[in-house]
């Protein structure tokens, strides 16, 4: 079976978020840094990051490894305020 290659065009803001996904920063760290760097609220940063992370995960560009090494899907409630 041959996997097809996909090419995605991203803007500079998305690239900055992806650059923060470095196995050092947590998702919370990324959201905090985006809020500070762009002068937006944590809620707005969470919403924007959630959209980007969901798109990256759904297109198999990134994954989230847990302690067992498996990559679960993002919880659909991630980023929603309670």
N, C-alpha and C. Protein backbone atom coordinates (compact mmCIF):
# COMPACT_ATOMS: atom_id res chain seq x y z
N UNK A 1 0.84 -1.17 0.00
CA UNK A 1 0.00 0.00 0.00
C UNK A 1 0.89 1.24 0.00
N UNK A 2 0.60 2.17 -0.88
CA UNK A 2 1.39 3.38 -1.00
C UNK A 2 0.62 4.56 -0.42
N UNK A 3 1.27 5.28 0.49
CA UNK A 3 0.63 6.47 1.06
C UNK A 3 0.78 7.62 0.10
N UNK A 4 -0.29 8.40 -0.03
CA UNK A 4 -0.19 9.59 -0.86
C UNK A 4 0.42 10.72 -0.05
N UNK A 5 1.13 11.56 -0.72
CA UNK A 5 1.76 12.70 -0.05
C UNK A 5 0.82 13.89 -0.15
N UNK A 6 0.71 14.62 0.96
CA UNK A 6 -0.10 15.82 0.97
C UNK A 6 0.81 17.00 1.22
N UNK A 7 0.50 18.09 0.58
CA UNK A 7 1.24 19.32 0.81
C UNK A 7 0.27 20.32 1.41
N UNK A 8 0.68 20.92 2.53
CA UNK A 8 -0.15 21.89 3.21
C UNK A 8 0.58 23.22 3.26
N UNK A 9 -0.14 24.27 2.95
CA UNK A 9 0.42 25.61 3.04
C UNK A 9 -0.08 26.21 4.35
N UNK A 10 0.85 26.74 5.15
CA UNK A 10 0.48 27.34 6.42
C UNK A 10 0.98 28.78 6.48
N UNK A 11 0.33 29.58 7.32
CA UNK A 11 0.78 30.96 7.48
C UNK A 11 1.84 31.04 8.57
N UNK A 12 2.42 32.21 8.74
CA UNK A 12 3.50 32.39 9.72
C UNK A 12 3.04 32.12 11.15
N UNK A 13 1.81 32.49 11.46
CA UNK A 13 1.30 32.25 12.82
C UNK A 13 1.23 30.75 13.11
N UNK A 14 0.74 29.99 12.16
CA UNK A 14 0.67 28.53 12.35
C UNK A 14 2.06 27.95 12.48
N UNK A 15 3.01 28.46 11.69
CA UNK A 15 4.38 27.96 11.78
C UNK A 15 4.96 28.21 13.17
N UNK A 16 4.68 29.39 13.75
CA UNK A 16 5.19 29.69 15.08
C UNK A 16 4.63 28.72 16.11
N UNK A 17 3.35 28.36 15.98
CA UNK A 17 2.76 27.38 16.89
C UNK A 17 3.41 26.02 16.70
N UNK A 18 3.57 25.60 15.46
CA UNK A 18 4.18 24.30 15.18
C UNK A 18 5.60 24.25 15.71
N UNK A 19 6.32 25.35 15.58
CA UNK A 19 7.70 25.40 16.11
C UNK A 19 7.74 25.18 17.62
N UNK A 20 6.66 25.54 18.31
CA UNK A 20 6.60 25.36 19.76
C UNK A 20 6.30 23.91 20.15
N UNK A 21 5.86 23.10 19.20
CA UNK A 21 5.56 21.69 19.47
C UNK A 21 6.87 20.90 19.39
N UNK A 22 7.66 20.98 20.45
CA UNK A 22 9.03 20.51 20.40
C UNK A 22 9.39 19.45 21.45
N UNK A 23 8.42 18.79 22.00
CA UNK A 23 8.63 17.80 23.06
C UNK A 23 9.12 18.42 24.36
N UNK A 24 9.20 19.74 24.44
CA UNK A 24 9.57 20.43 25.67
C UNK A 24 8.37 21.20 26.20
N UNK A 25 7.72 21.93 25.31
CA UNK A 25 6.54 22.71 25.69
C UNK A 25 5.32 21.82 25.80
N UNK A 26 4.51 22.04 26.82
CA UNK A 26 3.22 21.37 26.91
C UNK A 26 2.22 22.16 26.06
N UNK A 27 1.05 21.59 25.84
CA UNK A 27 0.01 22.32 25.12
C UNK A 27 -0.32 23.61 25.86
N UNK A 28 -0.37 23.55 27.19
CA UNK A 28 -0.61 24.75 27.99
C UNK A 28 0.47 25.79 27.80
N UNK A 29 1.73 25.36 27.71
CA UNK A 29 2.84 26.29 27.46
C UNK A 29 2.64 26.99 26.12
N UNK A 30 2.28 26.22 25.10
CA UNK A 30 2.09 26.78 23.77
C UNK A 30 0.98 27.83 23.80
N UNK A 31 -0.14 27.48 24.43
CA UNK A 31 -1.28 28.42 24.50
C UNK A 31 -0.87 29.69 25.24
N UNK A 32 -0.17 29.55 26.36
CA UNK A 32 0.28 30.73 27.11
C UNK A 32 1.21 31.60 26.27
N UNK A 33 2.15 30.99 25.57
CA UNK A 33 3.09 31.75 24.75
C UNK A 33 2.39 32.46 23.60
N UNK A 34 1.42 31.81 22.99
CA UNK A 34 0.67 32.44 21.90
C UNK A 34 -0.12 33.62 22.43
N UNK A 35 -0.76 33.47 23.58
CA UNK A 35 -1.53 34.57 24.17
C UNK A 35 -0.63 35.77 24.43
N UNK A 36 0.54 35.51 25.00
CA UNK A 36 1.47 36.59 25.31
C UNK A 36 2.03 37.23 24.04
N UNK A 37 2.50 36.39 23.11
CA UNK A 37 3.13 36.91 21.89
C UNK A 37 2.18 37.72 21.01
N UNK A 38 0.90 37.35 21.01
CA UNK A 38 -0.06 38.04 20.14
C UNK A 38 -0.97 38.99 20.92
N UNK A 39 -0.77 39.09 22.22
CA UNK A 39 -1.58 40.01 23.03
C UNK A 39 -3.06 39.68 23.02
N UNK A 40 -3.37 38.38 23.08
CA UNK A 40 -4.76 37.95 23.10
C UNK A 40 -5.04 37.22 24.40
N UNK A 41 -6.31 37.01 24.69
CA UNK A 41 -6.68 36.32 25.92
C UNK A 41 -6.32 34.84 25.83
N UNK A 42 -6.20 34.23 27.00
CA UNK A 42 -5.94 32.78 27.03
C UNK A 42 -7.07 32.02 26.33
N UNK A 43 -8.30 32.47 26.52
CA UNK A 43 -9.44 31.80 25.90
C UNK A 43 -9.33 31.85 24.37
N UNK A 44 -8.99 33.03 23.84
CA UNK A 44 -8.86 33.16 22.39
C UNK A 44 -7.69 32.34 21.88
N UNK A 45 -6.57 32.36 22.61
CA UNK A 45 -5.41 31.55 22.21
C UNK A 45 -5.76 30.07 22.23
N UNK A 46 -6.51 29.63 23.25
CA UNK A 46 -6.91 28.23 23.35
C UNK A 46 -7.78 27.82 22.16
N UNK A 47 -8.71 28.69 21.78
CA UNK A 47 -9.61 28.40 20.66
C UNK A 47 -8.81 28.30 19.36
N UNK A 48 -7.91 29.26 19.14
CA UNK A 48 -7.13 29.26 17.90
C UNK A 48 -6.18 28.06 17.83
N UNK A 49 -5.53 27.76 18.95
CA UNK A 49 -4.63 26.60 18.98
C UNK A 49 -5.41 25.31 18.80
N UNK A 50 -6.58 25.22 19.42
CA UNK A 50 -7.41 24.03 19.28
C UNK A 50 -7.75 23.78 17.82
N UNK A 51 -8.12 24.83 17.10
CA UNK A 51 -8.44 24.68 15.67
C UNK A 51 -7.23 24.17 14.89
N UNK A 52 -6.07 24.77 15.16
CA UNK A 52 -4.86 24.36 14.45
C UNK A 52 -4.45 22.94 14.82
N UNK A 53 -4.44 22.62 16.12
CA UNK A 53 -4.06 21.28 16.56
C UNK A 53 -4.99 20.23 15.97
N UNK A 54 -6.28 20.51 15.97
CA UNK A 54 -7.26 19.57 15.42
C UNK A 54 -6.98 19.32 13.94
N UNK A 55 -6.71 20.39 13.20
CA UNK A 55 -6.41 20.25 11.78
C UNK A 55 -5.13 19.44 11.56
N UNK A 56 -4.11 19.72 12.36
CA UNK A 56 -2.85 18.98 12.24
C UNK A 56 -3.04 17.51 12.58
N UNK A 57 -3.79 17.23 13.63
CA UNK A 57 -4.05 15.85 14.03
C UNK A 57 -4.90 15.11 13.01
N UNK A 58 -5.95 15.76 12.54
CA UNK A 58 -6.85 15.11 11.59
C UNK A 58 -6.18 14.79 10.26
N UNK A 59 -5.15 15.55 9.94
CA UNK A 59 -4.42 15.31 8.69
C UNK A 59 -3.14 14.52 8.91
N UNK A 60 -3.00 13.95 10.11
CA UNK A 60 -1.85 13.11 10.45
C UNK A 60 -0.51 13.83 10.25
N UNK A 61 -0.50 15.13 10.53
CA UNK A 61 0.74 15.90 10.45
C UNK A 61 1.48 15.81 11.77
N UNK A 62 0.75 15.80 12.86
CA UNK A 62 1.31 15.62 14.19
C UNK A 62 0.49 14.58 14.93
N UNK A 63 1.06 14.05 16.00
CA UNK A 63 0.35 13.13 16.86
C UNK A 63 0.69 13.44 18.30
N UNK A 64 -0.08 12.87 19.19
CA UNK A 64 0.16 13.06 20.61
C UNK A 64 0.52 11.71 21.19
N UNK A 65 1.75 11.58 21.63
CA UNK A 65 2.19 10.31 22.21
C UNK A 65 1.92 10.31 23.70
N UNK A 66 1.43 9.19 24.20
CA UNK A 66 1.26 9.06 25.65
C UNK A 66 2.40 8.21 26.21
N UNK A 67 2.31 7.88 27.46
CA UNK A 67 3.42 7.16 28.10
C UNK A 67 3.68 5.79 27.49
N UNK A 68 2.70 5.22 26.80
CA UNK A 68 2.91 3.91 26.19
C UNK A 68 3.43 4.03 24.75
N UNK A 69 3.53 5.26 24.27
CA UNK A 69 4.01 5.47 22.92
C UNK A 69 2.93 5.47 21.87
N UNK A 70 1.69 5.12 22.24
CA UNK A 70 0.61 5.17 21.26
C UNK A 70 0.14 6.61 21.09
N UNK A 71 -0.50 6.88 19.98
CA UNK A 71 -0.92 8.25 19.67
C UNK A 71 -2.44 8.32 19.64
N UNK A 72 -3.05 8.80 20.74
CA UNK A 72 -4.51 8.91 20.77
C UNK A 72 -4.99 10.14 20.02
N UNK A 73 -6.24 10.16 19.63
CA UNK A 73 -6.84 11.33 18.99
C UNK A 73 -7.13 12.39 20.05
N UNK A 74 -7.16 13.65 19.62
CA UNK A 74 -7.46 14.76 20.51
C UNK A 74 -8.89 14.66 21.01
N UNK A 75 -9.08 14.90 22.28
CA UNK A 75 -10.42 14.92 22.87
C UNK A 75 -11.22 16.03 22.19
N UNK A 76 -12.42 15.73 21.66
CA UNK A 76 -13.19 16.76 20.95
C UNK A 76 -13.61 17.92 21.84
N UNK A 77 -13.52 17.77 23.15
CA UNK A 77 -13.89 18.87 24.05
C UNK A 77 -12.69 19.75 24.36
N UNK A 78 -11.50 19.42 23.86
CA UNK A 78 -10.30 20.19 24.12
C UNK A 78 -10.51 21.64 23.70
N UNK A 79 -10.14 22.56 24.59
CA UNK A 79 -10.22 23.98 24.26
C UNK A 79 -11.54 24.63 24.49
N UNK A 80 -12.55 23.86 24.85
CA UNK A 80 -13.87 24.44 25.09
C UNK A 80 -13.94 24.92 26.52
N UNK A 81 -14.54 26.09 26.69
CA UNK A 81 -14.68 26.59 28.06
C UNK A 81 -15.86 25.89 28.73
N UNK A 82 -15.74 25.74 30.04
CA UNK A 82 -16.80 25.03 30.78
C UNK A 82 -17.71 25.99 31.48
